[in-house]
Amino acid sequence: MKASTVARNYVFLTILLLAMILGAFTGWLYPDFSSNIAFLGTIFIRLMFCIVVPMVFASIAGAVANTRDLARSGRIMWVTVVTFVITGAIAAVIYFGLVLIFPPVTAAWTNIAHEEVGSHATMTQMIVNFFTVEDFVALLSRRAMLPLIVFSLLFGFAANLSGEAGEPVRKFLESLTAVMLKLVNLVTYYAPIAFFAIFADLVATYGPQISEDYARALLVYYPVCFIYVFTAFPVMAWIGAGSEGVREMFRHITKPAVVSLGTCSSVATIPTNMEAAADTGISRDVSDIVLPLGATMHMDGSCFSCVLKIAFVLGVLGQPLTLSQLPMIVLIAVFSAVGMSGVPGGGYIGEYIICALFFPNHMELAFPILVAIGNLVDPPATMINAAGDYVVSFIVSRFVDGKDWLKKARVARA
């Protein structure tokens, strides 16, 4: 990448960070004003969501349709999913150890408000929703990301197997991906205004609600997330591309991290992740599959928060957290974060699972607490989830393109 391009990117990132900081102070000092400008952030997020659906379809379907080796696409997918599960389990174990040392709640609550849990999809319906939606129109929504990914994969395979008749479709998918990336560049110019409004509203909305126990939980959670970026991410980059991979990862991860922190959306970070992957030299078919999958399945930050939620409610109820609970907690963290996060009808499915398995007699108490914690830790959790998608692509590249993939990419770009 040219030095001028690098400088321009860092100037823009600095502007974004300053907008976030200024927005946070504005939300603290002028909460009413900050709540009134929240719509400016909503506009940006909705624009990104409108871009993401066609981009996910074009990138995944195009990657599969244009590959000359279908076995390679299959290898990319299974390596990706296995990596997601392993990193999610490791994240859950790490945070379990931390909450044993620093429990988020030190004394049981006495006056607790209750709230109705409401209804949600049955497990069989969740399984159906994992693969499909009712009709094609329902695919055109970010709330159906996993069915959209399944459809995109099948469409890509069909276009690939269609031979000469599928050539126009394959070219269209490739062109559509390029156009959507350019559209992202245009929308990004609006990001500083949006980030100012998002963080102003965030602080204005949640600042007064952070009580002593919530603050204690956040004081453990937020630093751990940032420490994870500077410890676990380099390890993953080293596994994927050696010491040079670590340096390359740190050169490009700032922008995805900032965008995910500001938008609180892994899906909205997909375009930025794709830019970072392209600048790194990651194979197009790898990034086109790993990054959309990661937006719905790679949830290390959510695994952190799952453990925190369980430990928090146990403390509220005055119940101990013990090592005997570790296997079940890790399993639930991985299942709810990795397996069900992008399923239509799965809103708050992690919270429902936690309540049903750990707090069946305190559902109305536990559920609102779990939802509140989820909202409070969402920014750093999303940062780990989304920026981690880019880092996982290093590992997938290592197993798909060989240990020298980064060196070869640099030679090809020279």
Protein backbone atom coordinates (compact mmCIF):
# COMPACT_ATOMS: atom_id res chain seq x y z
CA MET A 1 0.00 0.00 0.00
CA LYS A 2 1.32 3.50 -0.83
CA ALA A 3 2.53 5.70 2.04
CA SER A 4 0.01 8.38 1.10
CA THR A 5 -2.84 5.88 1.34
CA VAL A 6 -1.66 4.69 4.76
CA ALA A 7 -1.41 8.29 6.00
CA ARG A 8 -4.87 9.07 4.66
CA ASN A 9 -6.34 6.03 6.43
CA TYR A 10 -4.79 6.97 9.78
CA VAL A 11 -6.01 10.55 9.48
CA PHE A 12 -9.51 9.25 8.89
CA LEU A 13 -9.25 6.81 11.83
CA THR A 14 -8.07 9.64 14.05
CA ILE A 15 -11.10 11.68 13.03
CA LEU A 16 -13.37 8.73 13.86
CA LEU A 17 -11.80 8.26 17.29
CA LEU A 18 -12.07 11.97 18.07
CA ALA A 19 -15.71 11.92 16.98
CA MET A 20 -16.39 9.00 19.35
CA ILE A 21 -14.65 10.74 22.29
CA LEU A 22 -16.38 14.05 21.62
CA GLY A 23 -19.70 12.25 21.32
CA ALA A 24 -19.16 10.50 24.67
CA PHE A 25 -18.47 13.81 26.43
CA THR A 26 -21.47 15.39 24.74
CA GLY A 27 -23.70 12.53 25.93
CA TRP A 28 -22.43 13.00 29.48
CA LEU A 29 -22.85 16.80 29.52
CA TYR A 30 -25.96 17.17 27.35
CA PRO A 31 -28.02 13.96 27.52
CA ASP A 32 -31.23 15.46 26.13
CA PHE A 33 -29.46 16.92 23.10
CA SER A 34 -27.60 13.64 22.56
CA SER A 35 -30.80 11.61 22.55
CA ASN A 36 -32.26 13.94 19.94
CA ILE A 37 -29.35 13.45 17.51
CA ALA A 38 -29.34 9.65 17.76
CA PHE A 39 -31.01 9.46 14.35
CA LEU A 40 -27.76 10.62 12.70
CA GLY A 41 -26.11 7.39 13.80
CA THR A 42 -29.12 5.33 12.82
CA ILE A 43 -28.86 6.63 9.25
CA PHE A 44 -25.28 5.38 8.94
CA ILE A 45 -26.00 1.95 10.41
CA ARG A 46 -29.03 1.47 8.17
CA LEU A 47 -27.03 2.45 5.10
CA MET A 48 -24.41 -0.16 6.01
CA PHE A 49 -27.11 -2.78 6.57
CA CYS A 50 -28.58 -2.02 3.14
CA ILE A 51 -25.14 -2.57 1.61
CA VAL A 52 -24.34 -5.72 3.54
CA VAL A 53 -27.14 -7.98 2.28
CA PRO A 54 -26.25 -7.75 -1.45
CA MET A 55 -22.54 -7.73 -0.56
CA VAL A 56 -22.76 -10.97 1.42
CA PHE A 57 -24.71 -12.62 -1.36
CA ALA A 58 -22.36 -11.42 -4.11
CA SER A 59 -19.14 -12.15 -2.23
CA ILE A 60 -20.01 -15.67 -1.07
CA ALA A 61 -21.87 -16.76 -4.20
CA GLY A 62 -19.17 -15.18 -6.38
CA ALA A 63 -16.34 -16.81 -4.45
CA VAL A 64 -17.87 -20.27 -4.87
CA ALA A 65 -19.10 -19.69 -8.43
CA ASN A 66 -15.73 -18.49 -9.70
CA THR A 67 -13.53 -21.02 -7.95
CA ARG A 68 -11.98 -23.70 -10.10
CA ASP A 69 -11.66 -25.99 -7.13
CA LEU A 70 -14.87 -26.69 -5.23
CA ALA A 71 -12.91 -28.82 -2.77
CA ARG A 72 -10.96 -25.68 -1.87
CA SER A 73 -14.18 -23.82 -1.00
CA GLY A 74 -15.25 -26.71 1.19
CA ARG A 75 -11.86 -26.70 2.91
CA ILE A 76 -12.13 -22.96 3.55
CA MET A 77 -15.52 -23.42 5.19
CA TRP A 78 -14.64 -26.30 7.51
CA VAL A 79 -11.37 -24.70 8.64
CA THR A 80 -13.29 -21.49 9.31
CA VAL A 81 -16.01 -23.11 11.41
CA VAL A 82 -13.54 -25.24 13.41
CA THR A 83 -11.47 -22.14 14.14
CA PHE A 84 -14.56 -20.25 15.30
CA VAL A 85 -15.53 -23.03 17.71
CA ILE A 86 -12.01 -23.41 19.15
CA THR A 87 -11.41 -19.70 19.69
CA GLY A 88 -14.87 -19.28 21.20
CA ALA A 89 -14.26 -22.11 23.69
CA ILE A 90 -10.86 -20.69 24.65
CA ALA A 91 -12.40 -17.24 25.19
CA ALA A 92 -15.08 -18.73 27.46
CA VAL A 93 -12.48 -20.60 29.55
CA ILE A 94 -10.33 -17.47 29.90
CA TYR A 95 -13.21 -15.36 31.14
CA PHE A 96 -14.44 -18.09 33.49
CA GLY A 97 -11.07 -17.94 35.24
CA LEU A 98 -11.30 -14.15 35.49
CA VAL A 99 -14.77 -14.08 37.06
CA LEU A 100 -13.64 -16.66 39.60
CA ILE A 101 -10.91 -14.23 40.66
CA PHE A 102 -12.95 -11.03 40.21
CA PRO A 103 -16.65 -11.85 40.75
CA PRO A 104 -18.86 -9.17 39.22
CA VAL A 105 -21.32 -9.23 42.14
CA THR A 106 -20.01 -9.60 45.70
CA ALA A 107 -23.32 -9.50 47.59
CA ALA A 108 -26.79 -10.81 46.72
CA TRP A 109 -29.40 -8.24 45.71
CA THR A 110 -32.38 -7.73 48.01
CA ASN A 111 -34.75 -5.47 46.05
CA ILE A 112 -35.03 -6.78 42.52
CA ALA A 113 -37.43 -5.78 39.75
CA HIS A 114 -39.04 -8.58 37.77
CA GLU A 115 -39.92 -8.55 34.09
CA GLU A 116 -41.87 -10.82 31.78
CA VAL A 117 -39.65 -12.98 29.59
CA GLY A 118 -42.03 -13.11 26.64
CA SER A 119 -42.14 -15.69 23.85
CA HIS A 120 -39.51 -16.98 21.46
CA ALA A 121 -39.10 -19.56 18.74
CA THR A 122 -39.04 -23.25 19.68
CA MET A 123 -35.83 -25.22 19.18
CA THR A 124 -37.21 -27.07 16.14
CA GLN A 125 -38.23 -23.75 14.60
CA MET A 126 -34.76 -22.41 15.35
CA ILE A 127 -33.23 -25.33 13.44
CA VAL A 128 -35.53 -24.68 10.48
CA ASN A 129 -34.64 -20.98 10.59
CA PHE A 130 -30.95 -21.84 10.65
CA PHE A 131 -31.14 -23.02 7.04
CA THR A 132 -34.19 -21.38 5.48
CA VAL A 133 -36.75 -18.58 5.51
CA GLU A 134 -40.36 -18.64 4.37
CA ASP A 135 -39.71 -17.13 0.93
CA PHE A 136 -37.10 -15.31 -1.14
CA VAL A 137 -38.17 -11.84 0.04
CA ALA A 138 -37.35 -12.79 3.63
CA LEU A 139 -33.74 -13.40 2.57
CA LEU A 140 -33.35 -9.70 1.82
CA SER A 141 -32.82 -8.81 5.46
CA ARG A 142 -29.82 -8.74 7.77
CA ARG A 143 -31.97 -10.65 10.28
CA ALA A 144 -31.72 -13.70 8.01
CA MET A 145 -27.94 -13.75 7.66
CA LEU A 146 -27.41 -17.47 8.14
CA PRO A 147 -30.16 -18.50 5.68
CA LEU A 148 -28.75 -15.89 3.27
CA ILE A 149 -25.29 -17.44 3.60
CA VAL A 150 -26.71 -20.93 3.00
CA PHE A 151 -28.61 -19.68 -0.06
CA SER A 152 -25.52 -17.85 -1.35
CA LEU A 153 -23.40 -20.98 -1.03
CA LEU A 154 -25.95 -23.09 -2.90
CA PHE A 155 -26.37 -20.40 -5.57
CA GLY A 156 -22.61 -20.21 -6.00
CA PHE A 157 -22.28 -23.97 -6.38
CA ALA A 158 -25.13 -23.97 -8.91
CA ALA A 159 -23.48 -21.20 -10.97
CA ASN A 160 -20.16 -23.03 -10.80
CA LEU A 161 -21.66 -26.31 -11.98
CA SER A 162 -23.60 -24.63 -14.82
CA GLY A 163 -20.53 -24.42 -17.02
CA GLU A 164 -20.69 -22.00 -19.96
CA ALA A 165 -24.33 -21.10 -19.27
CA GLY A 166 -23.35 -19.78 -15.84
CA GLU A 167 -20.51 -17.55 -17.08
CA PRO A 168 -22.61 -14.32 -17.26
CA VAL A 169 -23.84 -14.93 -13.73
CA ARG A 170 -20.32 -15.51 -12.44
CA LYS A 171 -19.09 -12.26 -14.01
CA PHE A 172 -22.09 -10.38 -12.64
CA LEU A 173 -21.40 -11.58 -9.09
CA GLU A 174 -17.77 -10.51 -9.34
CA SER A 175 -18.74 -7.07 -10.68
CA LEU A 176 -21.45 -6.62 -8.05
CA THR A 177 -18.95 -7.25 -5.26
CA ALA A 178 -16.61 -4.60 -6.66
CA VAL A 179 -19.45 -2.06 -6.94
CA MET A 180 -20.63 -2.70 -3.38
CA LEU A 181 -17.11 -2.14 -2.04
CA LYS A 182 -16.97 1.19 -3.85
CA LEU A 183 -20.36 2.11 -2.38
CA VAL A 184 -18.93 1.44 1.07
CA ASN A 185 -16.19 3.99 0.40
CA LEU A 186 -18.80 6.62 -0.40
CA VAL A 187 -20.90 5.93 2.72
CA THR A 188 -17.81 5.93 4.94
CA TYR A 189 -17.32 9.67 4.42
CA TYR A 190 -20.39 10.18 6.62
CA ALA A 191 -19.02 7.97 9.44
CA PRO A 192 -17.52 10.70 11.71
CA ILE A 193 -20.88 12.45 12.08
CA ALA A 194 -22.58 9.11 12.71
CA PHE A 195 -20.03 8.00 15.31
CA PHE A 196 -20.37 11.28 17.19
CA ALA A 197 -24.14 10.78 17.42
CA ILE A 198 -23.91 7.06 18.28
CA PHE A 199 -21.57 7.57 21.24
CA ALA A 200 -23.39 10.65 22.48
CA ASP A 201 -26.64 8.68 22.61
CA LEU A 202 -24.92 5.62 24.12
CA VAL A 203 -23.55 7.57 27.08
CA ALA A 204 -26.77 9.58 27.45
CA THR A 205 -28.86 6.40 27.53
CA TYR A 206 -26.82 4.00 29.65
CA GLY A 207 -24.62 6.26 31.75
CA PRO A 208 -27.12 6.84 34.60
CA GLN A 209 -28.11 3.17 34.65
CA ILE A 210 -24.65 1.85 35.52
CA SER A 211 -24.92 0.95 39.18
CA GLU A 212 -22.07 -0.25 41.39
CA ASP A 213 -22.37 -3.93 40.39
CA TYR A 214 -22.78 -3.15 36.69
CA ALA A 215 -19.80 -0.81 36.90
CA ARG A 216 -17.75 -3.54 38.58
CA ALA A 217 -18.65 -5.97 35.79
CA LEU A 218 -17.71 -3.44 33.12
CA LEU A 219 -14.41 -2.60 34.83
CA VAL A 220 -13.39 -6.23 34.36
CA TYR A 221 -14.97 -6.76 30.95
CA TYR A 222 -13.79 -3.70 29.01
CA PRO A 223 -10.05 -3.97 29.80
CA VAL A 224 -10.08 -7.72 29.14
CA CYS A 225 -11.49 -7.15 25.68
CA PHE A 226 -8.72 -4.72 24.77
CA ILE A 227 -6.08 -6.98 26.32
CA TYR A 228 -7.47 -9.84 24.23
CA VAL A 229 -6.89 -7.80 21.08
CA PHE A 230 -3.21 -7.37 21.96
CA THR A 231 -2.61 -10.95 23.14
CA ALA A 232 -4.93 -13.46 21.47
CA PHE A 233 -5.05 -11.69 18.10
CA PRO A 234 -1.25 -11.67 17.69
CA VAL A 235 -1.17 -15.38 18.56
CA MET A 236 -3.78 -16.12 15.88
CA ALA A 237 -1.91 -13.96 13.35
CA TRP A 238 1.35 -15.74 14.25
CA ILE A 239 -0.27 -19.14 13.74
CA GLY A 240 -1.55 -17.95 10.39
CA ALA A 241 1.52 -16.18 9.01
CA GLY A 242 4.38 -16.11 11.52
CA SER A 243 5.95 -13.00 13.00
CA GLU A 244 5.43 -11.02 9.80
CA GLY A 245 1.74 -11.87 10.00
CA VAL A 246 1.57 -10.22 13.43
CA ARG A 247 3.05 -7.00 12.06
CA GLU A 248 0.74 -7.10 9.06
CA MET A 249 -2.27 -7.68 11.29
CA PHE A 250 -1.51 -4.65 13.45
CA ARG A 251 -1.09 -2.51 10.33
CA HIS A 252 -4.64 -3.17 9.18
CA ILE A 253 -6.79 -4.09 12.17
CA THR A 254 -7.34 -0.56 13.49
CA LYS A 255 -10.03 0.41 11.01
CA PRO A 256 -12.20 -2.73 11.47
CA ALA A 257 -11.81 -2.41 15.24
CA VAL A 258 -12.90 1.24 15.26
CA VAL A 259 -15.83 0.66 12.89
CA SER A 260 -17.09 -2.31 14.91
CA LEU A 261 -16.68 -0.40 18.18
CA GLY A 262 -18.66 2.51 16.78
CA THR A 263 -21.45 0.61 15.04
CA CYS A 264 -21.74 -2.30 17.52
CA SER A 265 -22.41 -4.53 14.53
CA SER A 266 -20.30 -7.35 13.09
CA VAL A 267 -22.46 -7.31 9.98
CA ALA A 268 -21.88 -3.61 9.39
CA THR A 269 -18.11 -4.22 9.70
CA ILE A 270 -18.00 -6.76 6.86
CA PRO A 271 -17.12 -4.17 4.16
CA THR A 272 -14.29 -2.71 6.25
CA ASN A 273 -12.96 -6.18 7.01
CA MET A 274 -12.96 -6.97 3.30
CA GLU A 275 -10.90 -3.85 2.60
CA ALA A 276 -8.39 -4.84 5.29
CA ALA A 277 -8.18 -8.40 3.94
CA ALA A 278 -7.58 -7.16 0.40
CA ASP A 279 -4.85 -4.78 1.58
CA THR A 280 -3.21 -7.64 3.50
CA GLY A 281 -3.13 -9.94 0.47
CA ILE A 282 -5.59 -12.55 1.73
CA SER A 283 -7.01 -14.57 -1.14
CA ARG A 284 -10.32 -13.21 -2.37
CA ASP A 285 -12.15 -16.51 -2.05
CA VAL A 286 -10.92 -16.85 1.55
CA SER A 287 -12.09 -13.38 2.63
CA ASP A 288 -15.36 -13.68 0.70
CA ILE A 289 -16.27 -16.79 2.70
CA VAL A 290 -14.60 -16.25 6.09
CA LEU A 291 -15.73 -12.67 6.75
CA PRO A 292 -19.49 -13.05 6.11
CA LEU A 293 -19.48 -16.32 8.06
CA GLY A 294 -17.55 -14.64 10.84
CA ALA A 295 -20.10 -11.85 11.12
CA THR A 296 -22.68 -14.38 12.30
CA MET A 297 -20.58 -17.18 13.81
CA HIS A 298 -17.32 -15.77 15.20
CA MET A 299 -18.31 -14.40 18.60
CA ASP A 300 -15.39 -14.59 21.06
CA GLY A 301 -16.56 -11.35 22.68
CA SER A 302 -20.04 -12.83 23.03
CA CYS A 303 -18.53 -15.90 24.70
CA PHE A 304 -16.91 -13.53 27.20
CA SER A 305 -20.24 -11.85 27.85
CA CYS A 306 -22.07 -15.17 28.21
CA VAL A 307 -19.77 -16.18 31.07
CA LEU A 308 -20.11 -12.72 32.62
CA LYS A 309 -23.91 -12.92 32.46
CA ILE A 310 -24.03 -16.28 34.22
CA ALA A 311 -21.56 -15.20 36.92
CA PHE A 312 -23.45 -11.92 37.42
CA VAL A 313 -26.87 -13.53 37.98
CA LEU A 314 -25.36 -16.20 40.23
CA GLY A 315 -23.95 -13.36 42.34
CA VAL A 316 -27.28 -11.55 42.37
CA LEU A 317 -28.94 -14.72 43.66
CA GLY A 318 -26.16 -15.33 46.19
CA GLN A 319 -25.08 -18.60 44.52
CA PRO A 320 -21.43 -19.61 44.03
CA LEU A 321 -19.65 -20.07 40.70
CA THR A 322 -17.74 -23.38 40.79
CA LEU A 323 -15.32 -25.23 38.54
CA SER A 324 -17.86 -28.03 38.13
CA GLN A 325 -19.98 -25.58 36.09
CA LEU A 326 -17.15 -24.87 33.62
CA PRO A 327 -17.99 -27.54 30.96
CA MET A 328 -21.65 -26.54 30.76
CA ILE A 329 -20.88 -22.81 30.72
CA VAL A 330 -18.33 -23.21 27.91
CA LEU A 331 -20.75 -25.36 25.91
CA ILE A 332 -23.58 -22.84 26.27
CA ALA A 333 -21.29 -19.92 25.48
CA VAL A 334 -20.08 -21.51 22.26
CA PHE A 335 -23.52 -22.77 21.21
CA SER A 336 -25.35 -19.50 21.82
CA ALA A 337 -22.61 -17.27 20.39
CA VAL A 338 -21.25 -19.36 17.52
CA GLY A 339 -24.22 -21.46 16.51
CA MET A 340 -27.32 -19.34 17.02
CA SER A 341 -26.27 -15.70 16.78
CA GLY A 342 -27.44 -15.15 13.21
CA VAL A 343 -30.60 -17.24 13.19
CA PRO A 344 -33.91 -15.49 12.39
CA GLY A 345 -36.24 -15.66 15.38
CA GLY A 346 -33.20 -16.09 17.61
CA GLY A 347 -33.28 -12.67 19.26
CA TYR A 348 -31.91 -13.06 22.79
CA ILE A 349 -31.61 -16.82 22.25
CA GLY A 350 -28.44 -16.83 24.36
CA GLU A 351 -30.31 -15.24 27.23
CA TYR A 352 -33.17 -17.73 26.91
CA ILE A 353 -30.76 -20.66 26.92
CA ILE A 354 -28.94 -19.32 29.97
CA CYS A 355 -32.20 -18.78 31.85
CA ALA A 356 -33.58 -22.21 30.96
CA LEU A 357 -30.45 -24.13 31.96
CA PHE A 358 -29.09 -22.13 34.90
CA PHE A 359 -32.01 -20.11 36.30
CA PRO A 360 -35.26 -21.97 35.45
CA ASN A 361 -36.87 -20.82 38.70
CA HIS A 362 -35.82 -17.19 38.29
CA MET A 363 -36.56 -16.57 34.61
CA GLU A 364 -38.36 -13.25 35.12
CA LEU A 365 -35.52 -11.97 37.30
CA ALA A 366 -32.57 -13.24 35.28
CA PHE A 367 -33.73 -12.30 31.80
CA PRO A 368 -33.79 -8.47 32.13
CA ILE A 369 -30.42 -8.56 33.92
CA LEU A 370 -28.89 -10.62 31.11
CA VAL A 371 -30.28 -8.29 28.46
CA ALA A 372 -29.00 -5.20 30.30
CA ILE A 373 -25.49 -6.64 30.57
CA GLY A 374 -25.57 -7.59 26.91
CA ASN A 375 -26.37 -3.99 25.97
CA LEU A 376 -23.68 -2.54 28.23
CA VAL A 377 -20.87 -4.77 26.97
CA ASP A 378 -21.95 -4.73 23.33
CA PRO A 379 -19.34 -2.25 21.97
CA PRO A 380 -16.14 -4.06 23.05
CA ALA A 381 -17.72 -7.48 22.47
CA THR A 382 -18.53 -6.53 18.89
CA MET A 383 -15.00 -5.19 18.45
CA ILE A 384 -13.55 -8.60 19.33
CA ASN A 385 -16.16 -10.44 17.27
CA ALA A 386 -15.79 -8.36 14.13
CA ALA A 387 -12.10 -7.45 14.14
CA GLY A 388 -11.41 -11.09 15.03
CA ASP A 389 -13.02 -12.16 11.75
CA TYR A 390 -10.16 -10.47 9.90
CA VAL A 391 -7.58 -12.20 12.12
CA VAL A 392 -9.16 -15.63 11.66
CA SER A 393 -8.69 -15.22 7.91
CA PHE A 394 -4.93 -15.47 8.59
CA ILE A 395 -5.40 -18.94 10.08
CA VAL A 396 -7.67 -20.08 7.28
CA SER A 397 -5.15 -18.78 4.71
CA ARG A 398 -2.43 -20.79 6.44
CA PHE A 399 -4.34 -24.05 6.07
CA VAL A 400 -5.69 -23.31 2.59
CA ASP A 401 -2.84 -21.46 0.84
CA GLY A 402 0.15 -22.78 2.80
CA LYS A 403 2.43 -21.26 5.43
CA ASP A 404 4.06 -18.87 2.93
CA TRP A 405 0.78 -17.35 1.71
CA LEU A 406 1.66 -13.85 2.97
CA LYS A 407 5.08 -13.86 1.30
CA LYS A 408 3.54 -15.02 -1.96
CA ALA A 409 0.87 -12.33 -1.74
CA ARG A 410 3.56 -9.66 -1.33
CA VAL A 411 5.50 -10.96 -4.30
CA ALA A 412 2.33 -10.96 -6.42
CA ARG A 413 1.61 -7.33 -5.48
CA ALA A 414 5.19 -6.14 -6.10
